[in-house]
Amino acid sequence: MNKLYVGNLSPSVTVEDLQQLLVERKLPVAEQVLLKSGYAFVDFPDQNSAIKAIEILCGKVELHGKVIEVDYSCPKKLR
């Protein structure tokens, strides 16, 4: 699974902010980013990139004053 959920985002975060964060952490720039209010879904090119993003970002990185959460995206009915 290459799609990740990125949560606990400040309302002021933009797609460009998320992409810049990936570049700064030497992660591949996501193929697609769907930004909503307070969260985003990010598609990575492969599973290894997604795993690396979770390990590097989840609970360890602050963006616009909030520590972000990163995990695999799963459909609502499976939660």
PDB file of N, CA and C in Angstrom:
ATOM      1  N   MET A   1       0.851  -1.185   0.000  1.00  0.00           N
ATOM      2  CA  MET A   1       0.000   0.000   0.000  1.00  0.00           C
ATOM      3  C   MET A   1       0.890   1.239   0.000  1.00  0.00           C
ATOM      4  N   ASN A   2       0.672   2.109  -0.970  1.00  0.00           N
ATOM      5  CA  ASN A   2       1.515   3.294  -1.135  1.00  0.00           C
ATOM      6  C   ASN A   2       0.834   4.579  -0.705  1.00  0.00           C
ATOM      7  N   LYS A   3      -0.452   4.513  -0.366  1.00  0.00           N
ATOM      8  CA  LYS A   3      -1.184   5.729   0.012  1.00  0.00           C
ATOM      9  C   LYS A   3      -1.145   5.888   1.530  1.00  0.00           C
ATOM     10  N   LEU A   4      -0.719   7.076   1.964  1.00  0.00           N
ATOM     11  CA  LEU A   4      -0.616   7.352   3.386  1.00  0.00           C
ATOM     12  C   LEU A   4      -1.578   8.452   3.810  1.00  0.00           C
ATOM     13  N   TYR A   5      -2.016   8.362   5.051  1.00  0.00           N
ATOM     14  CA  TYR A   5      -2.829   9.388   5.694  1.00  0.00           C
ATOM     15  C   TYR A   5      -1.865  10.262   6.497  1.00  0.00           C
ATOM     16  N   VAL A   6      -1.966  11.568   6.329  1.00  0.00           N
ATOM     17  CA  VAL A   6      -1.167  12.518   7.107  1.00  0.00           C
ATOM     18  C   VAL A   6      -2.160  13.370   7.886  1.00  0.00           C
ATOM     19  N   GLY A   7      -2.119  13.244   9.213  1.00  0.00           N
ATOM     20  CA  GLY A   7      -3.095  13.924  10.040  1.00  0.00           C
ATOM     21  C   GLY A   7      -2.484  14.932  10.991  1.00  0.00           C
ATOM     22  N   ASN A   8      -3.371  15.605  11.721  1.00  0.00           N
ATOM     23  CA  ASN A   8      -3.019  16.654  12.669  1.00  0.00           C
ATOM     24  C   ASN A   8      -2.325  17.828  11.971  1.00  0.00           C
ATOM     25  N   LEU A   9      -2.850  18.176  10.802  1.00  0.00           N
ATOM     26  CA  LEU A   9      -2.281  19.289  10.044  1.00  0.00           C
ATOM     27  C   LEU A   9      -2.961  20.600  10.428  1.00  0.00           C
ATOM     28  N   SER A  10      -2.178  21.639  10.475  1.00  0.00           N
ATOM     29  CA  SER A  10      -2.708  22.976  10.696  1.00  0.00           C
ATOM     30  C   SER A  10      -3.529  23.382   9.469  1.00  0.00           C
ATOM     31  N   PRO A  11      -4.586  24.156   9.662  1.00  0.00           N
ATOM     32  CA  PRO A  11      -5.386  24.609   8.510  1.00  0.00           C
ATOM     33  C   PRO A  11      -4.588  25.422   7.494  1.00  0.00           C
ATOM     34  N   SER A  12      -3.455  25.972   7.904  1.00  0.00           N
ATOM     35  CA  SER A  12      -2.660  26.800   6.993  1.00  0.00           C
ATOM     36  C   SER A  12      -1.683  25.996   6.126  1.00  0.00           C
ATOM     37  N   VAL A  13      -1.589  24.680   6.335  1.00  0.00           N
ATOM     38  CA  VAL A  13      -0.675  23.845   5.555  1.00  0.00           C
ATOM     39  C   VAL A  13      -1.164  23.756   4.111  1.00  0.00           C
ATOM     40  N   THR A  14      -0.222  23.838   3.173  1.00  0.00           N
ATOM     41  CA  THR A  14      -0.540  23.731   1.743  1.00  0.00           C
ATOM     42  C   THR A  14       0.106  22.471   1.172  1.00  0.00           C
ATOM     43  N   VAL A  15      -0.298  22.112  -0.037  1.00  0.00           N
ATOM     44  CA  VAL A  15       0.314  20.975  -0.738  1.00  0.00           C
ATOM     45  C   VAL A  15       1.809  21.227  -0.897  1.00  0.00           C
ATOM     46  N   GLU A  16       2.170  22.461  -1.198  1.00  0.00           N
ATOM     47  CA  GLU A  16       3.589  22.816  -1.365  1.00  0.00           C
ATOM     48  C   GLU A  16       4.360  22.610  -0.062  1.00  0.00           C
ATOM     49  N   ASP A  17       3.747  22.911   1.082  1.00  0.00           N
ATOM     50  CA  ASP A  17       4.388  22.684   2.385  1.00  0.00           C
ATOM     51  C   ASP A  17       4.694  21.199   2.570  1.00  0.00           C
ATOM     52  N   LEU A  18       3.728  20.348   2.241  1.00  0.00           N
ATOM     53  CA  LEU A  18       3.932  18.907   2.387  1.00  0.00           C
ATOM     54  C   LEU A  18       5.027  18.404   1.448  1.00  0.00           C
ATOM     55  N   GLN A  19       5.000  18.865   0.208  1.00  0.00           N
ATOM     56  CA  GLN A  19       6.023  18.448  -0.752  1.00  0.00           C
ATOM     57  C   GLN A  19       7.407  18.930  -0.325  1.00  0.00           C
ATOM     58  N   GLN A  20       7.511  20.141   0.199  1.00  0.00           N
ATOM     59  CA  GLN A  20       8.785  20.666   0.674  1.00  0.00           C
ATOM     60  C   GLN A  20       9.295  19.844   1.856  1.00  0.00           C
ATOM     61  N   LEU A  21       8.401  19.439   2.742  1.00  0.00           N
ATOM     62  CA  LEU A  21       8.768  18.613   3.883  1.00  0.00           C
ATOM     63  C   LEU A  21       9.384  17.295   3.412  1.00  0.00           C
ATOM     64  N   LEU A  22       8.794  16.696   2.382  1.00  0.00           N
ATOM     65  CA  LEU A  22       9.328  15.442   1.839  1.00  0.00           C
ATOM     66  C   LEU A  22      10.719  15.650   1.256  1.00  0.00           C
ATOM     67  N   VAL A  23      10.899  16.735   0.532  1.00  0.00           N
ATOM     68  CA  VAL A  23      12.207  17.044  -0.061  1.00  0.00           C
ATOM     69  C   VAL A  23      13.256  17.238   1.036  1.00  0.00           C
ATOM     70  N   GLU A  24      12.907  17.977   2.079  1.00  0.00           N
ATOM     71  CA  GLU A  24      13.838  18.240   3.187  1.00  0.00           C
ATOM     72  C   GLU A  24      14.254  16.951   3.886  1.00  0.00           C
ATOM     73  N   ARG A  25      13.356  15.972   3.953  1.00  0.00           N
ATOM     74  CA  ARG A  25      13.642  14.702   4.631  1.00  0.00           C
ATOM     75  C   ARG A  25      14.188  13.650   3.676  1.00  0.00           C
ATOM     76  N   LYS A  26      14.493  14.069   2.447  1.00  0.00           N
ATOM     77  CA  LYS A  26      15.050  13.198   1.414  1.00  0.00           C
ATOM     78  C   LYS A  26      14.133  12.011   1.086  1.00  0.00           C
ATOM     79  N   LEU A  27      12.840  12.303   1.084  1.00  0.00           N
ATOM     80  CA  LEU A  27      11.837  11.328   0.678  1.00  0.00           C
ATOM     81  C   LEU A  27      11.385  11.666  -0.734  1.00  0.00           C
ATOM     82  N   PRO A  28      10.943  10.675  -1.509  1.00  0.00           N
ATOM     83  CA  PRO A  28      10.484  10.992  -2.859  1.00  0.00           C
ATOM     84  C   PRO A  28       9.259  11.903  -2.816  1.00  0.00           C
ATOM     85  N   VAL A  29       9.211  12.833  -3.730  1.00  0.00           N
ATOM     86  CA  VAL A  29       8.057  13.728  -3.799  1.00  0.00           C
ATOM     87  C   VAL A  29       6.854  12.889  -4.220  1.00  0.00           C
ATOM     88  N   ALA A  30       5.781  13.042  -3.503  1.00  0.00           N
ATOM     89  CA  ALA A  30       4.587  12.239  -3.730  1.00  0.00           C
ATOM     90  C   ALA A  30       4.012  12.473  -5.120  1.00  0.00           C
ATOM     91  N   GLU A  31       3.498  11.397  -5.710  1.00  0.00           N
ATOM     92  CA  GLU A  31       2.872  11.489  -7.022  1.00  0.00           C
ATOM     93  C   GLU A  31       1.578  12.288  -6.961  1.00  0.00           C
ATOM     94  N   GLN A  32       0.841  12.108  -5.869  1.00  0.00           N
ATOM     95  CA  GLN A  32      -0.434  12.812  -5.729  1.00  0.00           C
ATOM     96  C   GLN A  32      -0.648  13.166  -4.258  1.00  0.00           C
ATOM     97  N   VAL A  33      -1.128  14.377  -4.021  1.00  0.00           N
ATOM     98  CA  VAL A  33      -1.446  14.826  -2.663  1.00  0.00           C
ATOM     99  C   VAL A  33      -2.866  15.381  -2.676  1.00  0.00           C
ATOM    100  N   LEU A  34      -3.719  14.810  -1.825  1.00  0.00           N
ATOM    101  CA  LEU A  34      -5.085  15.287  -1.687  1.00  0.00           C
ATOM    102  C   LEU A  34      -5.199  15.920  -0.313  1.00  0.00           C
ATOM    103  N   LEU A  35      -5.275  17.240  -0.271  1.00  0.00           N
ATOM    104  CA  LEU A  35      -5.289  17.982   0.985  1.00  0.00           C
ATOM    105  C   LEU A  35      -6.709  18.358   1.369  1.00  0.00           C
ATOM    106  N   LYS A  36      -7.084  18.013   2.599  1.00  0.00           N
ATOM    107  CA  LYS A  36      -8.374  18.381   3.167  1.00  0.00           C
ATOM    108  C   LYS A  36      -8.101  19.272   4.365  1.00  0.00           C
ATOM    109  N   SER A  37      -9.121  19.625   5.114  1.00  0.00           N
ATOM    110  CA  SER A  37      -8.945  20.464   6.287  1.00  0.00           C
ATOM    111  C   SER A  37      -8.440  19.624   7.456  1.00  0.00           C
ATOM    112  N   GLY A  38      -7.166  19.774   7.796  1.00  0.00           N
ATOM    113  CA  GLY A  38      -6.593  19.074   8.935  1.00  0.00           C
ATOM    114  C   GLY A  38      -5.931  17.749   8.621  1.00  0.00           C
ATOM    115  N   TYR A  39      -6.053  17.290   7.376  1.00  0.00           N
ATOM    116  CA  TYR A  39      -5.412  16.026   7.005  1.00  0.00           C
ATOM    117  C   TYR A  39      -5.181  15.983   5.494  1.00  0.00           C
ATOM    118  N   ALA A  40      -4.401  14.977   5.078  1.00  0.00           N
ATOM    119  CA  ALA A  40      -4.125  14.809   3.655  1.00  0.00           C
ATOM    120  C   ALA A  40      -3.918  13.329   3.356  1.00  0.00           C
ATOM    121  N   PHE A  41      -4.074  12.982   2.090  1.00  0.00           N
ATOM    122  CA  PHE A  41      -3.728  11.655   1.604  1.00  0.00           C
ATOM    123  C   PHE A  41      -2.597  11.851   0.605  1.00  0.00           C
ATOM    124  N   VAL A  42      -1.539  11.056   0.775  1.00  0.00           N
ATOM    125  CA  VAL A  42      -0.347  11.214  -0.042  1.00  0.00           C
ATOM    126  C   VAL A  42      -0.010   9.880  -0.700  1.00  0.00           C
ATOM    127  N   ASP A  43       0.114   9.867  -2.042  1.00  0.00           N
ATOM    128  CA  ASP A  43       0.491   8.661  -2.785  1.00  0.00           C
ATOM    129  C   ASP A  43       1.992   8.670  -3.031  1.00  0.00           C
ATOM    130  N   PHE A  44       2.655   7.600  -2.622  1.00  0.00           N
ATOM    131  CA  PHE A  44       4.091   7.455  -2.860  1.00  0.00           C
ATOM    132  C   PHE A  44       4.325   6.498  -4.017  1.00  0.00           C
ATOM    133  N   PRO A  45       5.499   6.593  -4.657  1.00  0.00           N
ATOM    134  CA  PRO A  45       5.762   5.776  -5.848  1.00  0.00           C
ATOM    135  C   PRO A  45       5.836   4.272  -5.560  1.00  0.00           C
ATOM    136  N   ASP A  46       6.226   3.883  -4.343  1.00  0.00           N
ATOM    137  CA  ASP A  46       6.313   2.463  -4.016  1.00  0.00           C
ATOM    138  C   ASP A  46       6.172   2.245  -2.515  1.00  0.00           C
ATOM    139  N   GLN A  47       6.026   0.989  -2.127  1.00  0.00           N
ATOM    140  CA  GLN A  47       5.796   0.650  -0.720  1.00  0.00           C
ATOM    141  C   GLN A  47       6.991   1.023   0.156  1.00  0.00           C
ATOM    142  N   ASN A  48       8.208   0.834  -0.331  1.00  0.00           N
ATOM    143  CA  ASN A  48       9.392   1.167   0.470  1.00  0.00           C
ATOM    144  C   ASN A  48       9.431   2.652   0.820  1.00  0.00           C
ATOM    145  N   SER A  49       9.055   3.495  -0.124  1.00  0.00           N
ATOM    146  CA  SER A  49       9.004   4.942   0.130  1.00  0.00           C
ATOM    147  C   SER A  49       7.960   5.272   1.185  1.00  0.00           C
ATOM    148  N   ALA A  50       6.818   4.595   1.122  1.00  0.00           N
ATOM    149  CA  ALA A  50       5.748   4.826   2.090  1.00  0.00           C
ATOM    150  C   ALA A  50       6.192   4.415   3.495  1.00  0.00           C
ATOM    151  N   ILE A  51       6.832   3.262   3.607  1.00  0.00           N
ATOM    152  CA  ILE A  51       7.322   2.783   4.902  1.00  0.00           C
ATOM    153  C   ILE A  51       8.345   3.755   5.472  1.00  0.00           C
ATOM    154  N   LYS A  52       9.253   4.197   4.626  1.00  0.00           N
ATOM    155  CA  LYS A  52      10.294   5.147   5.060  1.00  0.00           C
ATOM    156  C   LYS A  52       9.658   6.457   5.541  1.00  0.00           C
ATOM    157  N   ALA A  53       8.626   6.928   4.838  1.00  0.00           N
ATOM    158  CA  ALA A  53       7.944   8.169   5.225  1.00  0.00           C
ATOM    159  C   ALA A  53       7.307   8.028   6.607  1.00  0.00           C
ATOM    160  N   ILE A  54       6.676   6.890   6.868  1.00  0.00           N
ATOM    161  CA  ILE A  54       6.072   6.670   8.185  1.00  0.00           C
ATOM    162  C   ILE A  54       7.146   6.700   9.264  1.00  0.00           C
ATOM    163  N   GLU A  55       8.243   5.981   9.028  1.00  0.00           N
ATOM    164  CA  GLU A  55       9.324   5.908  10.019  1.00  0.00           C
ATOM    165  C   GLU A  55       9.944   7.269  10.309  1.00  0.00           C
ATOM    166  N   ILE A  56      10.114   8.081   9.288  1.00  0.00           N
ATOM    167  CA  ILE A  56      10.791   9.374   9.439  1.00  0.00           C
ATOM    168  C   ILE A  56       9.868  10.465   9.982  1.00  0.00           C
ATOM    169  N   LEU A  57       8.594  10.450   9.588  1.00  0.00           N
ATOM    170  CA  LEU A  57       7.707  11.572   9.879  1.00  0.00           C
ATOM    171  C   LEU A  57       6.763  11.396  11.063  1.00  0.00           C
ATOM    172  N   CYS A  58       6.242  10.208  11.281  1.00  0.00           N
ATOM    173  CA  CYS A  58       5.157  10.020  12.253  1.00  0.00           C
ATOM    174  C   CYS A  58       5.568  10.381  13.675  1.00  0.00           C
ATOM    175  N   GLY A  59       4.930  11.429  14.203  1.00  0.00           N
ATOM    176  CA  GLY A  59       5.158  11.859  15.571  1.00  0.00           C
ATOM    177  C   GLY A  59       6.501  12.517  15.820  1.00  0.00           C
ATOM    178  N   LYS A  60       7.266  12.752  14.767  1.00  0.00           N
ATOM    179  CA  LYS A  60       8.625  13.277  14.919  1.00  0.00           C
ATOM    180  C   LYS A  60       8.837  14.625  14.249  1.00  0.00           C
ATOM    181  N   VAL A  61       7.870  15.046  13.445  1.00  0.00           N
ATOM    182  CA  VAL A  61       8.054  16.257  12.641  1.00  0.00           C
ATOM    183  C   VAL A  61       6.934  17.242  12.935  1.00  0.00           C
ATOM    184  N   GLU A  62       7.319  18.491  13.106  1.00  0.00           N
ATOM    185  CA  GLU A  62       6.351  19.557  13.345  1.00  0.00           C
ATOM    186  C   GLU A  62       6.201  20.372  12.064  1.00  0.00           C
ATOM    187  N   LEU A  63       4.948  20.658  11.711  1.00  0.00           N
ATOM    188  CA  LEU A  63       4.658  21.459  10.522  1.00  0.00           C
ATOM    189  C   LEU A  63       3.628  22.507  10.912  1.00  0.00           C
ATOM    190  N   HIS A  64       3.988  23.762  10.795  1.00  0.00           N
ATOM    191  CA  HIS A  64       3.122  24.887  11.183  1.00  0.00           C
ATOM    192  C   HIS A  64       2.649  24.754  12.635  1.00  0.00           C
ATOM    193  N   GLY A  65       3.563  24.338  13.505  1.00  0.00           N
ATOM    194  CA  GLY A  65       3.267  24.296  14.930  1.00  0.00           C
ATOM    195  C   GLY A  65       2.562  23.050  15.442  1.00  0.00           C
ATOM    196  N   LYS A  66       2.335  22.056  14.582  1.00  0.00           N
ATOM    197  CA  LYS A  66       1.670  20.825  15.013  1.00  0.00           C
ATOM    198  C   LYS A  66       2.510  19.615  14.616  1.00  0.00           C
ATOM    199  N   VAL A  67       2.606  18.645  15.526  1.00  0.00           N
ATOM    200  CA  VAL A  67       3.317  17.402  15.222  1.00  0.00           C
ATOM    201  C   VAL A  67       2.393  16.528  14.376  1.00  0.00           C
ATOM    202  N   ILE A  68       2.868  16.144  13.202  1.00  0.00           N
ATOM    203  CA  ILE A  68       2.009  15.409  12.270  1.00  0.00           C
ATOM    204  C   ILE A  68       1.986  13.912  12.581  1.00  0.00           C
ATOM    205  N   GLU A  69       0.901  13.286  12.188  1.00  0.00           N
ATOM    206  CA  GLU A  69       0.721  11.845  12.291  1.00  0.00           C
ATOM    207  C   GLU A  69       0.732  11.281  10.874  1.00  0.00           C
ATOM    208  N   VAL A  70       1.401  10.153  10.686  1.00  0.00           N
ATOM    209  CA  VAL A  70       1.452   9.527   9.367  1.00  0.00           C
ATOM    210  C   VAL A  70       1.205   8.034   9.537  1.00  0.00           C
ATOM    211  N   ASP A  71       0.287   7.496   8.732  1.00  0.00           N
ATOM    212  CA  ASP A  71      -0.012   6.064   8.782  1.00  0.00           C
ATOM    213  C   ASP A  71      -0.596   5.653   7.443  1.00  0.00           C
ATOM    214  N   TYR A  72      -0.755   4.347   7.269  1.00  0.00           N
ATOM    215  CA  TYR A  72      -1.377   3.864   6.042  1.00  0.00           C
ATOM    216  C   TYR A  72      -2.811   4.338   5.965  1.00  0.00           C
ATOM    217  N   SER A  73      -3.237   4.678   4.777  1.00  0.00           N
ATOM    218  CA  SER A  73      -4.613   5.067   4.541  1.00  0.00           C
ATOM    219  C   SER A  73      -5.437   3.790   4.383  1.00  0.00           C
ATOM    220  N   CYS A  74      -6.590   3.743   5.037  1.00  0.00           N
ATOM    221  CA  CYS A  74      -7.466   2.590   4.872  1.00  0.00           C
ATOM    222  C   CYS A  74      -8.901   3.083   4.696  1.00  0.00           C
ATOM    223  N   PRO A  75      -9.703   2.338   3.950  1.00  0.00           N
ATOM    224  CA  PRO A  75     -11.096   2.737   3.736  1.00  0.00           C
ATOM    225  C   PRO A  75     -11.872   2.816   5.045  1.00  0.00           C
ATOM    226  N   LYS A  76     -12.873   3.698   5.104  1.00  0.00           N
ATOM    227  CA  LYS A  76     -13.671   3.893   6.312  1.00  0.00           C
ATOM    228  C   LYS A  76     -14.246   2.589   6.844  1.00  0.00           C
ATOM    229  N   LYS A  77     -14.736   1.730   5.947  1.00  0.00           N
ATOM    230  CA  LYS A  77     -15.401   0.505   6.412  1.00  0.00           C
ATOM    231  C   LYS A  77     -14.438  -0.467   7.086  1.00  0.00           C
ATOM    232  N   LEU A  78     -13.123  -0.297   6.890  1.00  0.00           N
ATOM    233  CA  LEU A  78     -12.140  -1.169   7.527  1.00  0.00           C
ATOM    234  C   LEU A  78     -11.623  -0.613   8.849  1.00  0.00           C
ATOM    235  N   ARG A  79     -11.957   0.636   9.189  1.00  0.00           N
ATOM    236  CA  ARG A  79     -11.483   1.230  10.434  1.00  0.00           C
ATOM    237  C   ARG A  79     -12.218   0.709  11.624  1.00  0.00           C
TER     238      ARG A  79
END
